[in-house]
Amino acid sequence: MKPREADLSQIRTVPVGLRPNKVGAAEFAHPPGDNRSFAAFIDALPDVLVARDFRAVVDAVVSAARRKRGVVLMLGGHVVKTGLAPLLADLMRRGVVTHLAMNGSAAIHDYEIARFGATSEDVAAGLRDGTFGMAEETGREMNTAFVNGMQAEQGMGEALGRALDARNDLANPELSVLLAAFRLGVTATVHAALGAEIIHQHPAANGAAIGDTSHRDFRRLAGALPDIDDGGVVLNLGSAVIMPEVFLKALTIARNLNGGRPQNFVTVDLDMQRHYRPRMNVVQRPTLQSGKGYEITGHHEIMVPLLAWAVVDRLSRD
């Protein structure tokens, strides 16, 4: 007995003109022409996959800025230490970013850049002799700011902004997003993870002050989220765990206190690789009922400038 073979002569075909297609010629990329402006570059991107998503995110941020909806920027430490603070501060100055939130790592890198002009130590070298994370000035000054902030009923972000603003010996004040937020009146919140940050191992660490100021910032983030209702945007840049977890809890508080709102907003996770928590807690779960979530994967030092430039360009053109 021979094995059965399919008879291809009996196959039913369909006209290509009736077949739905995902890609058409009009969506292809364009090579450089006479106009080599940044706007022309963005317009020349192919209108497919993540390039299409990127344009949609730019549209959402620009729309939120024009309609005075909240744009919440959540940061991980890598975004700060790769030199992107000037772009983020510029978006605050332009009134685009309405709330700045970050994990403790981002706050430490930001403080050190402003205060000393350098950050990001060699972990492996310091770990061998127990000096990793033991910088005297960083730990003492930041922990002192937390104690002062607790006494003055300030959040951690505000306490650090005030501490930086009060100094006249900063190496690079223009590079601090915390200082820019404080001076611009943009609420900045820092969300600590006890034991996960180098300043918690310093002799000046005060658990009560860390907890008090960071928990106040948690409440401030929850208090800011109603502003993203109906057209706002939440951008998670480079935080794989802390900010996605904090955002999900702050969002449920906001909805609990505001009749199920905010709804109908855009969320974006932008990181070097895709992680479970940002996908679930930022992109998918918050937008199940309404709105839209996006994942854009790429190196921060390339993707964040592209996003910031595209937003500013659109705001200036339209």
Protein backbone atom coordinates (compact mmCIF):
# COMPACT_ATOMS: atom_id res chain seq x y z
CA MET A 1 0.00 0.00 0.00
CA LYS A 2 1.36 3.41 -1.00
CA PRO A 3 1.01 6.26 1.53
CA ARG A 4 -1.75 8.69 0.64
CA GLU A 5 -0.74 12.00 -0.95
CA ALA A 6 -2.70 15.23 -1.03
CA ASP A 7 -3.98 16.08 -4.51
CA LEU A 8 -2.85 19.68 -5.02
CA SER A 9 -4.81 19.92 -8.24
CA GLN A 10 -7.98 20.08 -6.16
CA ILE A 11 -6.80 23.04 -4.04
CA ARG A 12 -9.15 26.03 -3.85
CA THR A 13 -7.35 29.35 -4.35
CA VAL A 14 -8.52 32.93 -3.78
CA PRO A 15 -7.78 36.08 -5.80
CA VAL A 16 -4.91 38.05 -4.28
CA GLY A 17 -7.05 41.17 -4.57
CA LEU A 18 -9.52 39.74 -2.07
CA ARG A 19 -6.88 38.59 0.41
CA PRO A 20 -6.41 40.80 3.50
CA ASN A 21 -2.79 42.02 3.73
CA LYS A 22 -0.86 43.27 6.75
CA VAL A 23 1.71 45.25 4.75
CA GLY A 24 1.28 47.43 1.69
CA ALA A 25 3.70 49.32 -0.51
CA ALA A 26 2.56 52.67 0.90
CA GLU A 27 3.81 51.61 4.33
CA PHE A 28 7.41 51.06 3.31
CA ALA A 29 10.29 53.20 4.56
CA HIS A 30 11.71 56.06 2.50
CA PRO A 31 15.41 56.72 1.86
CA PRO A 32 16.84 60.18 2.64
CA GLY A 33 15.74 62.87 0.20
CA ASP A 34 16.39 66.57 -0.11
CA ASN A 35 14.66 67.17 3.23
CA ARG A 36 16.89 65.61 5.90
CA SER A 37 15.24 67.17 8.93
CA PHE A 38 14.35 65.14 12.01
CA ALA A 39 10.67 65.37 11.08
CA ALA A 40 11.46 63.93 7.67
CA PHE A 41 13.34 61.06 9.31
CA ILE A 42 10.34 60.17 11.51
CA ASP A 43 7.98 60.44 8.55
CA ALA A 44 10.29 58.12 6.56
CA LEU A 45 10.00 55.25 9.04
CA PRO A 46 8.00 52.26 7.80
CA ASP A 47 4.40 52.29 8.99
CA VAL A 48 4.59 48.75 10.40
CA LEU A 49 5.03 47.01 13.76
CA VAL A 50 6.96 48.99 16.40
CA ALA A 51 7.60 51.94 14.07
CA ARG A 52 3.83 52.36 13.90
CA ASP A 53 3.59 51.96 17.68
CA PHE A 54 6.30 54.58 18.13
CA ARG A 55 4.30 57.10 16.12
CA ALA A 56 1.18 56.24 18.12
CA VAL A 57 3.04 56.87 21.38
CA VAL A 58 4.30 60.23 20.11
CA ASP A 59 0.73 61.12 19.10
CA ALA A 60 -0.55 60.15 22.54
CA VAL A 61 2.04 62.25 24.40
CA VAL A 62 1.49 65.26 22.14
CA SER A 63 -2.28 64.96 22.49
CA ALA A 64 -2.01 64.71 26.27
CA ALA A 65 0.21 67.80 26.43
CA ARG A 66 -2.18 69.83 24.29
CA ARG A 67 -5.26 68.69 26.19
CA LYS A 68 -3.60 69.27 29.57
CA ARG A 69 -3.84 65.62 30.56
CA GLY A 70 -1.35 64.01 32.88
CA VAL A 71 1.89 62.54 31.53
CA VAL A 72 3.56 60.41 34.21
CA LEU A 73 7.21 59.55 33.67
CA MET A 74 8.52 56.54 35.63
CA LEU A 75 12.28 55.94 35.64
CA GLY A 76 14.74 53.19 36.41
CA GLY A 77 18.35 53.95 37.30
CA HIS A 78 19.82 53.02 33.91
CA VAL A 79 17.90 55.84 32.21
CA VAL A 80 19.61 58.41 34.44
CA LYS A 81 23.13 57.02 34.28
CA THR A 82 23.07 56.80 30.47
CA GLY A 83 22.90 60.58 30.29
CA LEU A 84 19.24 61.19 29.43
CA ALA A 85 18.34 63.59 32.23
CA PRO A 86 18.64 66.76 30.06
CA LEU A 87 15.97 65.41 27.69
CA LEU A 88 13.61 64.55 30.53
CA ALA A 89 14.13 67.91 32.23
CA ASP A 90 13.37 69.61 28.93
CA LEU A 91 10.05 67.79 28.68
CA MET A 92 9.20 69.04 32.16
CA ARG A 93 10.13 72.61 31.23
CA ARG A 94 7.86 72.39 28.19
CA GLY A 95 4.95 71.31 30.37
CA VAL A 96 4.75 67.84 28.81
CA VAL A 97 5.66 65.75 31.88
CA THR A 98 3.32 66.46 34.79
CA HIS A 99 4.63 63.91 37.31
CA LEU A 100 8.09 62.38 37.72
CA ALA A 101 8.38 59.05 39.54
CA MET A 102 11.48 56.91 39.97
CA ASN A 103 12.97 54.04 41.90
CA GLY A 104 15.71 54.57 44.47
CA SER A 105 18.48 53.69 42.05
CA ALA A 106 17.46 56.50 39.70
CA ALA A 107 17.41 58.95 42.60
CA ILE A 108 20.92 57.96 43.71
CA HIS A 109 22.40 58.30 40.23
CA ASP A 110 20.62 61.62 39.77
CA TYR A 111 21.88 62.96 43.10
CA GLU A 112 25.47 61.90 42.44
CA ILE A 113 25.55 63.41 38.95
CA ALA A 114 24.24 66.73 40.28
CA ARG A 115 26.44 66.73 43.37
CA PHE A 116 29.72 65.22 42.13
CA GLY A 117 29.46 65.05 38.33
CA ALA A 118 29.91 61.26 38.20
CA THR A 119 28.11 58.06 39.22
CA SER A 120 27.92 54.28 38.63
CA GLU A 121 30.79 52.62 40.51
CA ASP A 122 32.59 49.36 39.67
CA VAL A 123 30.45 46.90 41.63
CA ALA A 124 32.70 43.87 41.20
CA ALA A 125 35.80 45.71 42.39
CA GLY A 126 34.11 47.17 45.45
CA LEU A 127 32.38 43.91 46.35
CA ARG A 128 35.74 42.13 46.80
CA ASP A 129 36.78 44.26 49.78
CA GLY A 130 33.37 45.36 51.03
CA THR A 131 33.55 48.97 49.80
CA PHE A 132 30.80 48.68 47.19
CA GLY A 133 28.14 51.28 47.89
CA MET A 134 30.00 52.78 50.84
CA ALA A 135 30.41 56.33 49.50
CA GLU A 136 30.36 58.56 52.58
CA GLU A 137 28.93 61.75 51.09
CA THR A 138 26.18 60.10 49.04
CA GLY A 139 24.82 58.05 51.91
CA ARG A 140 25.08 60.74 54.57
CA GLU A 141 23.66 63.60 52.52
CA MET A 142 20.74 61.67 51.07
CA ASN A 143 19.80 60.09 54.39
CA THR A 144 20.03 63.47 56.09
CA ALA A 145 17.63 64.81 53.46
CA PHE A 146 15.18 62.02 54.29
CA VAL A 147 15.29 62.81 58.01
CA ASN A 148 14.73 66.49 57.30
CA GLY A 149 11.94 65.57 54.90
CA MET A 150 10.20 63.39 57.46
CA GLN A 151 10.29 66.20 60.00
CA ALA A 152 8.86 68.65 57.45
CA GLU A 153 6.24 66.19 56.13
CA GLN A 154 7.83 66.07 52.69
CA GLY A 155 8.05 63.22 50.24
CA MET A 156 11.41 61.68 49.36
CA GLY A 157 11.53 63.34 45.95
CA GLU A 158 10.72 66.75 47.38
CA ALA A 159 13.25 66.30 50.19
CA LEU A 160 16.02 65.48 47.72
CA GLY A 161 15.05 68.35 45.42
CA ARG A 162 15.13 70.79 48.33
CA ALA A 163 18.46 69.44 49.53
CA LEU A 164 20.03 69.90 46.11
CA ASP A 165 18.50 73.34 45.68
CA ALA A 166 19.97 74.48 48.99
CA ARG A 167 23.56 73.64 48.03
CA ASN A 168 25.94 76.01 46.26
CA ASP A 169 28.58 73.37 45.50
CA LEU A 170 26.78 71.22 42.94
CA ALA A 171 28.96 69.96 40.10
CA ASN A 172 26.13 69.76 37.55
CA PRO A 173 22.83 71.14 38.82
CA GLU A 174 21.53 71.40 35.25
CA LEU A 175 21.69 67.59 34.86
CA SER A 176 19.41 66.65 37.75
CA VAL A 177 15.81 65.69 37.03
CA LEU A 178 15.02 65.89 40.75
CA LEU A 179 16.30 69.44 40.96
CA ALA A 180 14.57 70.41 37.70
CA ALA A 181 11.27 69.04 38.98
CA PHE A 182 11.61 70.90 42.27
CA ARG A 183 12.40 74.21 40.59
CA LEU A 184 9.64 73.78 38.00
CA GLY A 185 6.97 72.79 40.50
CA VAL A 186 6.58 69.28 39.02
CA THR A 187 5.88 66.69 41.70
CA ALA A 188 8.72 64.16 41.88
CA THR A 189 8.28 60.93 43.82
CA VAL A 190 10.91 58.36 44.79
CA HIS A 191 9.87 54.79 45.58
CA ALA A 192 12.43 53.05 47.76
CA ALA A 193 13.02 49.32 48.16
CA LEU A 194 14.54 48.81 51.60
CA GLY A 195 17.84 46.97 51.42
CA ALA A 196 18.08 47.25 47.64
CA GLU A 197 19.86 50.62 47.52
CA ILE A 198 23.39 51.52 48.58
CA ILE A 199 22.30 54.36 50.85
CA HIS A 200 20.44 51.88 53.08
CA GLN A 201 23.74 50.33 54.21
CA HIS A 202 25.18 53.67 55.34
CA PRO A 203 25.59 54.42 59.09
CA ALA A 204 23.29 57.43 58.65
CA ALA A 205 20.41 55.35 57.24
CA ASN A 206 17.17 55.92 59.14
CA GLY A 207 14.51 53.35 58.32
CA ALA A 208 11.74 55.48 59.75
CA ALA A 209 12.70 58.43 57.56
CA ILE A 210 13.09 56.28 54.45
CA GLY A 211 9.72 54.67 55.02
CA ASP A 212 7.92 57.88 55.92
CA THR A 213 9.12 59.94 52.96
CA SER A 214 8.81 57.16 50.40
CA HIS A 215 5.34 56.16 51.58
CA ARG A 216 4.28 59.79 51.32
CA ASP A 217 5.52 59.70 47.74
CA PHE A 218 3.47 56.56 47.12
CA ARG A 219 0.41 58.47 48.25
CA ARG A 220 1.40 61.42 46.07
CA LEU A 221 1.71 59.21 43.00
CA ALA A 222 -1.72 57.73 43.70
CA GLY A 223 -3.02 61.27 44.09
CA ALA A 224 -1.60 62.29 40.71
CA LEU A 225 -3.03 59.42 38.66
CA PRO A 226 -6.56 60.85 38.27
CA ASP A 227 -4.93 63.41 35.94
CA ILE A 228 -4.30 60.71 33.31
CA ASP A 229 -8.03 60.02 32.91
CA ASP A 230 -9.33 60.32 29.34
CA GLY A 231 -6.19 60.82 27.32
CA GLY A 232 -3.21 60.83 29.67
CA VAL A 233 -0.02 58.81 29.28
CA VAL A 234 2.16 56.73 31.61
CA LEU A 235 5.71 56.08 30.38
CA ASN A 236 7.78 53.44 32.14
CA LEU A 237 11.41 53.93 31.12
CA GLY A 238 13.75 51.21 32.28
CA SER A 239 12.20 49.97 35.52
CA ALA A 240 11.65 46.22 35.38
CA VAL A 241 10.20 45.63 38.85
CA ILE A 242 9.77 48.52 41.30
CA MET A 243 7.87 51.10 39.26
CA PRO A 244 5.53 48.58 37.58
CA GLU A 245 4.61 47.19 40.99
CA VAL A 246 4.21 50.61 42.57
CA PHE A 247 2.17 51.90 39.62
CA LEU A 248 -0.31 49.01 39.78
CA LYS A 249 -0.99 49.62 43.49
CA ALA A 250 -1.20 53.39 43.07
CA LEU A 251 -3.63 52.92 40.17
CA THR A 252 -5.96 50.72 42.19
CA ILE A 253 -5.96 53.35 44.98
CA ALA A 254 -6.82 56.08 42.47
CA ARG A 255 -9.67 54.00 41.03
CA ASN A 256 -10.89 53.05 44.49
CA LEU A 257 -11.15 56.70 45.50
CA ASN A 258 -12.48 58.05 42.18
CA GLY A 259 -15.30 55.76 41.12
CA GLY A 260 -13.20 53.48 38.93
CA ARG A 261 -11.25 56.23 37.22
CA PRO A 262 -8.78 56.94 35.64
CA GLN A 263 -9.67 55.11 32.43
CA ASN A 264 -8.90 55.51 28.72
CA PHE A 265 -5.21 56.37 28.94
CA VAL A 266 -2.09 55.13 27.16
CA THR A 267 0.69 53.17 28.84
CA VAL A 268 4.16 52.53 27.44
CA ASP A 269 7.00 50.29 28.56
CA LEU A 270 10.32 51.23 27.01
CA ASP A 271 13.26 49.06 28.01
CA MET A 272 16.23 47.17 26.56
CA GLN A 273 14.36 43.88 26.89
CA ARG A 274 10.84 42.80 27.71
CA HIS A 275 9.98 41.77 31.24
CA TYR A 276 6.94 40.13 32.81
CA ARG A 277 5.99 42.83 35.32
CA PRO A 278 6.10 45.83 32.98
CA ARG A 279 4.12 43.89 30.39
CA MET A 280 1.43 42.88 32.88
CA ASN A 281 1.41 45.81 35.33
CA VAL A 282 1.99 48.68 32.90
CA VAL A 283 1.00 47.61 29.39
CA GLN A 284 -1.80 45.05 29.78
CA ARG A 285 -3.72 45.06 33.06
CA PRO A 286 -4.27 48.83 33.44
CA THR A 287 -5.69 49.12 29.91
CA LEU A 288 -7.91 46.01 29.80
CA GLN A 289 -11.15 48.02 30.07
CA SER A 290 -10.08 51.02 28.02
CA GLY A 291 -7.02 52.73 26.59
CA LYS A 292 -4.02 51.14 24.93
CA GLY A 293 -0.67 49.75 26.05
CA TYR A 294 2.57 49.59 24.06
CA GLU A 295 5.92 47.81 24.41
CA ILE A 296 8.85 49.44 22.65
CA THR A 297 12.12 47.58 23.05
CA GLY A 298 15.49 49.20 22.48
CA HIS A 299 18.47 50.80 24.17
CA HIS A 300 17.52 53.78 26.30
CA GLU A 301 20.33 55.95 24.99
CA ILE A 302 18.81 55.68 21.50
CA MET A 303 15.07 55.29 22.03
CA VAL A 304 14.53 57.98 24.67
CA PRO A 305 16.17 60.72 22.57
CA LEU A 306 14.11 59.61 19.57
CA LEU A 307 10.92 59.84 21.61
CA ALA A 308 11.77 63.18 23.21
CA TRP A 309 12.84 64.77 19.91
CA ALA A 310 9.76 63.45 18.12
CA VAL A 311 7.42 64.87 20.77
CA VAL A 312 9.08 68.28 20.79
CA ASP A 313 9.16 68.39 17.00
CA ARG A 314 5.46 67.59 16.75
CA LEU A 315 4.54 70.15 19.37
CA SER A 316 6.46 72.83 17.49
CA ARG A 317 5.11 71.93 14.03
CA ASP A 318 1.39 71.38 14.51
